[in-house]
Amino acid sequence: MTSTMPLSPARQGRGSDFAELSARIKSARLLDRRRGYYGLKIAVNLAVLAAACVVFVSIGDSWWQLCTAAFFALVFGQLGFIGHDAGHKQIFHTKRANDLVGYLHAGLTGLSYGWWVSKHNGHHANPNHEDDDPDLAIGALVFTLRQSGVRSGFLRWMAKYQAFLFFPLLLLEAANLHLSSIRAVWRNEVKARRLETGLLLGHAVVYFTAVFTVLSPVTGLVFIAVHQGLWGIYLGCSFAPNHKGMPTVASGHSLDFLRKQVLTSRNVRGGRLVDFALGGLNYQIEHHLFPSMPRPNLRHAQKLVRECCSHHGIAYSQCGLFSSYAQVLRHLHAVGGPLRATPR
């Protein structure tokens, strides 16, 4: 389902549709916490991170460290997925315990947990809404014809060719997240400002000290560029397939919760390897319907969600990994089409 036309208010549904599905999900105990799973997952991630640090120091000042940089990008992605799950209260019942895990993992990756949770909650509340989804408010890209109509100058040129620029731009995504985190803390837009300031400063000191103690200045700079660039691509390739190219909700239009979450989301097939690589985000429909559902339970919820959608005539979008990227690129190219047809 890749239509870029705004959804019509005529597709309103009844709240009882979701209540029925929710009751089945609770009856199947799919909202129960999986502390054993997360305990093992976190322990393995931290052990792998520690091992990667040992390898980094052992190799020393060598261009082979670019392979280490690529591996660190994968590890940081996995740490980020745990932070994501903590932000949705998937790990523990209490907010305090989840936040403890979230702040720890944000500190390890150099991001602001408070800023990200606030932004991500805004996305979940209004996915693919032209005015209210912060994930559609990306200055470098346009996702709707309305957005493309207000671009000018260099941003207009970028919008014309954004399908070709998409993956190169992802090289800057990690840097963008770091800068947004620093900006949010500096402007006092987070609740735990002192804690987050300490975590960001601590990460920066440890990260740059380690890199430039072990590596020469030139090798160190290239290491950072490769690590942060590949981490940005990993994050972008994990999040982009979920909503980009799916229908958008125009200003003044609304849908009931079930349809709003299902019709604007896309699942990605691929089995356990894709589950691992995308951190469970490939079950985006189930995740949006039940954000606090533990990651390993999402695949089990899929059958119930698909049955519900089939029963109520709601389109359920799912495709392969590479097909999802193709749909995203086609959508970006189509939205930029009018700009290419009327050059300035």
Protein backbone atom coordinates (compact mmCIF):
# COMPACT_ATOMS: atom_id res chain seq x y z
CA MET A 1 0.00 0.00 0.00
CA THR A 2 2.04 2.96 -1.22
CA SER A 3 -0.52 5.64 -2.10
CA THR A 4 0.63 9.11 -1.15
CA MET A 5 -2.89 10.54 -1.13
CA PRO A 6 -4.17 11.72 2.29
CA LEU A 7 -6.51 9.28 3.98
CA SER A 8 -10.17 10.16 3.92
CA PRO A 9 -12.18 10.78 7.09
CA ALA A 10 -14.83 8.51 5.57
CA ARG A 11 -12.67 5.56 6.61
CA GLN A 12 -13.47 6.07 10.27
CA GLY A 13 -13.98 2.92 12.29
CA ARG A 14 -15.31 1.91 15.67
CA GLY A 15 -13.17 1.92 18.80
CA SER A 16 -14.59 -1.48 19.64
CA ASP A 17 -12.62 -2.97 16.75
CA PHE A 18 -9.37 -2.31 18.59
CA ALA A 19 -10.89 -3.24 21.97
CA GLU A 20 -11.70 -6.68 20.58
CA LEU A 21 -8.14 -7.15 19.31
CA SER A 22 -6.65 -5.84 22.55
CA ALA A 23 -8.66 -8.33 24.57
CA ARG A 24 -7.32 -11.21 22.44
CA ILE A 25 -3.76 -9.96 22.81
CA LYS A 26 -4.09 -9.72 26.59
CA SER A 27 -5.71 -13.14 26.74
CA ALA A 28 -2.72 -14.59 24.89
CA ARG A 29 -0.44 -12.90 27.49
CA LEU A 30 1.53 -11.16 24.79
CA LEU A 31 1.86 -8.02 26.90
CA ASP A 32 3.62 -9.92 29.70
CA ARG A 33 7.17 -8.73 30.35
CA ARG A 34 10.09 -10.83 29.08
CA ARG A 35 12.77 -9.90 31.62
CA GLY A 36 14.79 -13.05 30.95
CA TYR A 37 15.01 -12.24 27.24
CA TYR A 38 16.04 -8.66 27.85
CA GLY A 39 18.47 -9.59 30.62
CA LEU A 40 20.29 -11.94 28.25
CA LYS A 41 20.06 -9.47 25.34
CA ILE A 42 21.55 -6.61 27.37
CA ALA A 43 24.28 -8.82 28.84
CA VAL A 44 25.31 -10.09 25.40
CA ASN A 45 25.29 -6.58 23.92
CA LEU A 46 27.47 -5.20 26.71
CA ALA A 47 29.84 -8.18 26.47
CA VAL A 48 30.16 -7.69 22.71
CA LEU A 49 30.77 -3.97 23.22
CA ALA A 50 33.50 -4.72 25.77
CA ALA A 51 35.08 -7.29 23.43
CA ALA A 52 35.03 -4.78 20.57
CA CYS A 53 36.81 -2.24 22.79
CA VAL A 54 39.49 -4.83 23.64
CA VAL A 55 39.98 -5.61 19.95
CA PHE A 56 40.15 -1.90 19.16
CA VAL A 57 42.95 -1.36 21.68
CA SER A 58 44.76 -4.56 20.65
CA ILE A 59 44.87 -3.69 16.93
CA GLY A 60 46.31 -0.25 17.62
CA ASP A 61 47.02 2.39 15.00
CA SER A 62 46.11 0.51 11.84
CA TRP A 63 43.79 0.97 8.90
CA TRP A 64 42.29 -2.39 9.86
CA GLN A 65 40.45 -0.33 12.46
CA LEU A 66 37.99 0.63 9.74
CA CYS A 67 36.64 -2.91 10.03
CA THR A 68 36.33 -2.31 13.77
CA ALA A 69 34.49 0.94 13.05
CA ALA A 70 31.97 -0.95 10.93
CA PHE A 71 31.47 -3.48 13.73
CA PHE A 72 30.98 -0.69 16.28
CA ALA A 73 28.24 0.71 14.02
CA LEU A 74 26.39 -2.60 14.29
CA VAL A 75 26.90 -2.73 18.07
CA PHE A 76 25.67 0.85 18.53
CA GLY A 77 22.60 -0.02 16.48
CA GLN A 78 21.81 -2.93 18.77
CA LEU A 79 22.32 -0.75 21.85
CA GLY A 80 19.95 1.78 20.30
CA PHE A 81 17.25 -0.87 19.88
CA ILE A 82 17.41 -1.62 23.61
CA GLY A 83 17.09 2.09 24.35
CA HIS A 84 14.06 2.18 22.04
CA ASP A 85 12.42 -0.72 23.88
CA ALA A 86 13.13 0.89 27.25
CA GLY A 87 11.53 4.12 26.04
CA HIS A 88 8.35 2.16 25.29
CA LYS A 89 8.41 0.45 28.72
CA GLN A 90 8.79 -2.97 27.10
CA ILE A 91 11.41 -4.28 29.55
CA PHE A 92 10.03 -3.55 33.03
CA HIS A 93 6.63 -2.57 34.40
CA THR A 94 7.86 0.63 36.05
CA LYS A 95 8.92 3.78 34.25
CA ARG A 96 11.86 4.27 36.60
CA ALA A 97 13.43 0.89 35.80
CA ASN A 98 12.93 1.33 32.05
CA ASP A 99 14.37 4.85 32.18
CA LEU A 100 17.45 3.55 34.00
CA VAL A 101 18.13 1.18 31.11
CA GLY A 102 17.27 3.88 28.58
CA TYR A 103 19.62 6.49 30.05
CA LEU A 104 22.42 3.92 30.28
CA HIS A 105 22.14 2.95 26.63
CA ALA A 106 21.71 6.55 25.49
CA GLY A 107 24.88 7.41 27.39
CA LEU A 108 26.78 4.58 25.71
CA THR A 109 25.77 5.85 22.25
CA GLY A 110 25.98 9.59 22.94
CA LEU A 111 22.31 10.49 22.51
CA SER A 112 19.72 12.24 24.66
CA TYR A 113 17.21 9.70 25.93
CA GLY A 114 14.70 12.32 27.09
CA TRP A 115 14.72 14.18 23.78
CA TRP A 116 14.36 11.01 21.75
CA VAL A 117 11.49 9.61 23.87
CA SER A 118 9.52 12.86 23.55
CA LYS A 119 10.05 12.99 19.78
CA HIS A 120 9.27 9.31 19.28
CA ASN A 121 6.10 9.46 21.35
CA GLY A 122 4.92 12.28 19.08
CA HIS A 123 5.47 10.02 16.10
CA HIS A 124 3.52 7.15 17.66
CA ALA A 125 0.60 9.40 18.50
CA ASN A 126 0.29 10.68 14.93
CA PRO A 127 2.13 8.42 12.46
CA ASN A 128 2.44 9.87 8.96
CA HIS A 129 0.35 12.92 9.86
CA GLU A 130 1.46 15.86 7.73
CA ASP A 131 1.38 18.37 10.58
CA ASP A 132 1.87 16.32 13.75
CA ASP A 133 4.37 13.53 12.98
CA PRO A 134 7.89 14.82 13.81
CA ASP A 135 9.36 12.10 11.59
CA LEU A 136 7.86 13.88 8.56
CA ALA A 137 9.42 17.20 9.58
CA ILE A 138 12.86 16.51 8.09
CA GLY A 139 14.24 19.57 6.36
CA ALA A 140 16.42 17.66 3.91
CA LEU A 141 13.57 15.51 2.54
CA VAL A 142 9.91 15.90 1.59
CA PHE A 143 7.35 13.15 2.03
CA THR A 144 4.17 14.77 0.70
CA LEU A 145 3.28 16.95 -2.28
CA ARG A 146 2.30 19.71 0.12
CA GLN A 147 5.79 19.71 1.65
CA SER A 148 7.44 19.81 -1.78
CA GLY A 149 5.40 22.87 -2.72
CA VAL A 150 7.06 25.07 -0.08
CA ARG A 151 10.68 24.15 -0.81
CA SER A 152 12.98 26.76 -2.31
CA GLY A 153 16.65 27.22 -3.08
CA PHE A 154 19.02 24.37 -2.28
CA LEU A 155 16.33 22.43 -0.39
CA ARG A 156 14.17 22.51 -3.50
CA TRP A 157 17.03 21.04 -5.53
CA MET A 158 17.50 18.32 -2.91
CA ALA A 159 13.80 17.49 -3.00
CA LYS A 160 13.97 17.02 -6.77
CA TYR A 161 16.60 14.32 -6.50
CA GLN A 162 15.96 13.05 -2.98
CA ALA A 163 15.53 9.45 -4.07
CA PHE A 164 19.15 9.48 -5.30
CA LEU A 165 20.36 11.38 -2.23
CA PHE A 166 18.50 9.29 0.36
CA PHE A 167 21.17 6.73 1.22
CA PRO A 168 24.07 9.23 1.04
CA LEU A 169 22.14 11.51 3.42
CA LEU A 170 21.83 8.65 5.90
CA LEU A 171 25.60 8.90 6.37
CA LEU A 172 24.83 12.10 8.31
CA GLU A 173 21.96 10.67 10.40
CA ALA A 174 24.08 9.80 13.45
CA ALA A 175 25.65 13.27 13.43
CA ASN A 176 22.15 14.75 13.19
CA LEU A 177 21.02 12.74 16.22
CA HIS A 178 24.06 13.85 18.22
CA LEU A 179 23.49 17.51 17.36
CA SER A 180 19.76 17.30 18.10
CA SER A 181 20.56 15.71 21.47
CA ILE A 182 23.05 18.43 22.36
CA ARG A 183 20.63 21.14 21.23
CA ALA A 184 17.77 19.71 23.32
CA VAL A 185 19.92 19.50 26.46
CA TRP A 186 21.41 22.97 25.88
CA ARG A 187 17.94 24.48 25.51
CA ASN A 188 16.72 22.69 28.64
CA GLU A 189 14.12 20.71 26.66
CA VAL A 190 14.67 17.53 28.72
CA LYS A 191 13.58 16.71 32.25
CA ALA A 192 16.87 15.30 33.59
CA ARG A 193 19.12 18.02 32.20
CA ARG A 194 22.03 17.51 34.61
CA LEU A 195 22.03 13.77 34.12
CA GLU A 196 21.86 14.03 30.35
CA THR A 197 24.56 16.70 30.27
CA GLY A 198 26.84 14.42 32.27
CA LEU A 199 26.10 11.44 30.05
CA LEU A 200 26.71 13.36 26.81
CA LEU A 201 29.94 14.88 28.12
CA GLY A 202 31.08 11.56 29.54
CA HIS A 203 30.44 9.79 26.25
CA ALA A 204 32.30 12.47 24.29
CA VAL A 205 35.32 12.41 26.60
CA VAL A 206 35.63 8.61 26.61
CA TYR A 207 34.94 8.26 22.88
CA PHE A 208 37.37 10.90 21.61
CA THR A 209 40.05 10.07 24.18
CA ALA A 210 39.97 6.40 23.21
CA VAL A 211 40.04 7.12 19.48
CA PHE A 212 42.90 9.63 19.53
CA THR A 213 44.92 7.78 22.16
CA VAL A 214 44.93 4.56 20.14
CA LEU A 215 44.92 6.06 16.63
CA SER A 216 46.83 8.78 14.87
CA PRO A 217 44.88 11.97 14.11
CA VAL A 218 44.21 11.09 10.46
CA THR A 219 43.29 7.46 11.15
CA GLY A 220 41.17 8.60 14.08
CA LEU A 221 39.18 11.06 11.99
CA VAL A 222 38.56 8.45 9.30
CA PHE A 223 37.56 5.92 11.99
CA ILE A 224 34.98 8.36 13.40
CA ALA A 225 33.62 9.15 9.93
CA VAL A 226 33.22 5.45 9.07
CA HIS A 227 31.74 4.53 12.45
CA GLN A 228 29.24 7.38 12.61
CA GLY A 229 28.40 7.19 8.91
CA LEU A 230 27.67 3.46 8.91
CA TRP A 231 25.75 3.76 12.18
CA GLY A 232 23.60 6.43 10.55
CA ILE A 233 22.93 4.19 7.56
CA TYR A 234 22.06 1.29 9.88
CA LEU A 235 19.59 3.42 11.82
CA GLY A 236 18.04 4.87 8.68
CA CYS A 237 17.69 1.45 7.04
CA SER A 238 15.99 0.19 10.22
CA PHE A 239 13.44 3.01 10.50
CA ALA A 240 12.78 4.09 6.90
CA PRO A 241 10.88 0.97 5.72
CA ASN A 242 8.29 1.33 8.47
CA HIS A 243 6.21 4.30 7.26
CA LYS A 244 7.83 6.07 4.32
CA GLY A 245 5.74 5.58 1.19
CA MET A 246 2.65 4.62 3.18
CA PRO A 247 -0.51 6.81 3.13
CA THR A 248 -0.33 10.11 4.96
CA VAL A 249 -3.04 11.73 7.07
CA ALA A 250 -3.78 15.29 5.95
CA SER A 251 -4.48 18.19 8.26
CA GLY A 252 -8.07 18.14 9.49
CA HIS A 253 -8.49 14.41 8.86
CA SER A 254 -8.53 11.69 11.48
CA LEU A 255 -8.92 7.93 11.85
CA ASP A 256 -9.74 5.64 14.73
CA PHE A 257 -6.70 4.22 16.54
CA LEU A 258 -6.68 0.81 14.85
CA ARG A 259 -6.83 2.14 11.30
CA LYS A 260 -4.51 5.06 12.00
CA GLN A 261 -1.75 2.72 13.14
CA VAL A 262 -2.26 -0.09 10.61
CA LEU A 263 -2.85 1.90 7.42
CA THR A 264 0.20 4.14 7.90
CA SER A 265 2.63 1.32 8.78
CA ARG A 266 4.44 -1.38 6.83
CA ASN A 267 5.86 -4.70 8.06
CA VAL A 268 9.00 -6.30 6.66
CA ARG A 269 9.29 -10.04 6.13
CA GLY A 270 12.53 -11.97 6.49
CA GLY A 271 12.57 -14.31 9.48
CA ARG A 272 14.87 -14.32 12.50
CA LEU A 273 17.80 -12.63 10.74
CA VAL A 274 15.68 -9.61 9.82
CA ASP A 275 14.15 -9.66 13.33
CA PHE A 276 17.67 -9.32 14.75
CA ALA A 277 18.97 -6.81 12.20
CA LEU A 278 15.97 -4.47 12.55
CA GLY A 279 15.50 -4.92 16.29
CA GLY A 280 11.92 -6.13 15.91
CA LEU A 281 10.91 -2.93 14.11
CA ASN A 282 10.03 -5.06 11.11
CA TYR A 283 6.80 -5.84 13.02
CA GLN A 284 5.92 -2.16 12.81
CA ILE A 285 2.16 -2.63 12.65
CA GLU A 286 2.07 -4.72 15.82
CA HIS A 287 4.54 -2.38 17.51
CA HIS A 288 2.40 0.67 16.76
CA LEU A 289 -0.76 -1.01 17.99
CA PHE A 290 0.92 -2.22 21.20
CA PRO A 291 4.03 -0.07 21.85
CA SER A 292 4.71 -1.62 25.25
CA MET A 293 4.66 -5.18 23.91
CA PRO A 294 8.07 -6.83 24.46
CA ARG A 295 10.02 -7.26 21.24
CA PRO A 296 10.03 -11.10 21.16
CA ASN A 297 6.22 -11.18 21.45
CA LEU A 298 5.58 -9.08 18.34
CA ARG A 299 5.97 -12.00 15.92
CA HIS A 300 3.42 -13.99 17.93
CA ALA A 301 0.95 -11.08 17.87
CA GLN A 302 1.13 -10.83 14.09
CA LYS A 303 -1.33 -13.67 13.45
CA LEU A 304 -3.97 -12.10 15.70
CA VAL A 305 -3.50 -8.66 14.18
CA ARG A 306 -3.76 -9.97 10.62
CA GLU A 307 -6.93 -11.89 11.46
CA CYS A 308 -8.43 -8.71 12.95
CA CYS A 309 -7.51 -6.64 9.88
CA SER A 310 -8.92 -9.27 7.53
CA HIS A 311 -12.16 -9.44 9.51
CA HIS A 312 -12.66 -5.66 9.38
CA GLY A 313 -11.41 -5.16 5.82
CA ILE A 314 -8.32 -3.17 6.81
CA ALA A 315 -5.35 -3.34 4.44
CA TYR A 316 -2.32 -4.95 6.11
CA SER A 317 0.92 -4.02 4.33
CA GLN A 318 3.90 -6.38 4.37
CA CYS A 319 6.78 -6.97 1.97
CA GLY A 320 10.40 -8.09 1.81
CA LEU A 321 13.31 -5.97 3.04
CA PHE A 322 14.63 -4.86 -0.34
CA SER A 323 11.11 -4.35 -1.64
CA SER A 324 10.47 -1.98 1.27
CA TYR A 325 13.50 0.13 0.32
CA ALA A 326 12.34 0.15 -3.31
CA GLN A 327 8.92 1.42 -2.22
CA VAL A 328 10.51 4.16 -0.14
CA LEU A 329 12.71 5.31 -3.03
CA ARG A 330 9.81 5.23 -5.51
CA HIS A 331 7.73 7.34 -3.15
CA LEU A 332 10.52 9.90 -2.65
CA HIS A 333 11.05 10.10 -6.40
CA ALA A 334 7.33 10.53 -7.07
CA VAL A 335 6.95 13.32 -4.50
CA GLY A 336 9.85 15.18 -6.09
CA GLY A 337 8.35 14.73 -9.56
CA PRO A 338 6.42 18.04 -9.75
CA LEU A 339 9.58 19.93 -8.83
CA ARG A 340 11.52 18.26 -11.64
CA ALA A 341 8.71 19.09 -14.07
CA THR A 342 8.76 22.81 -13.18
CA PRO A 343 12.42 23.77 -12.76
CA ARG A 344 13.36 27.18 -11.45
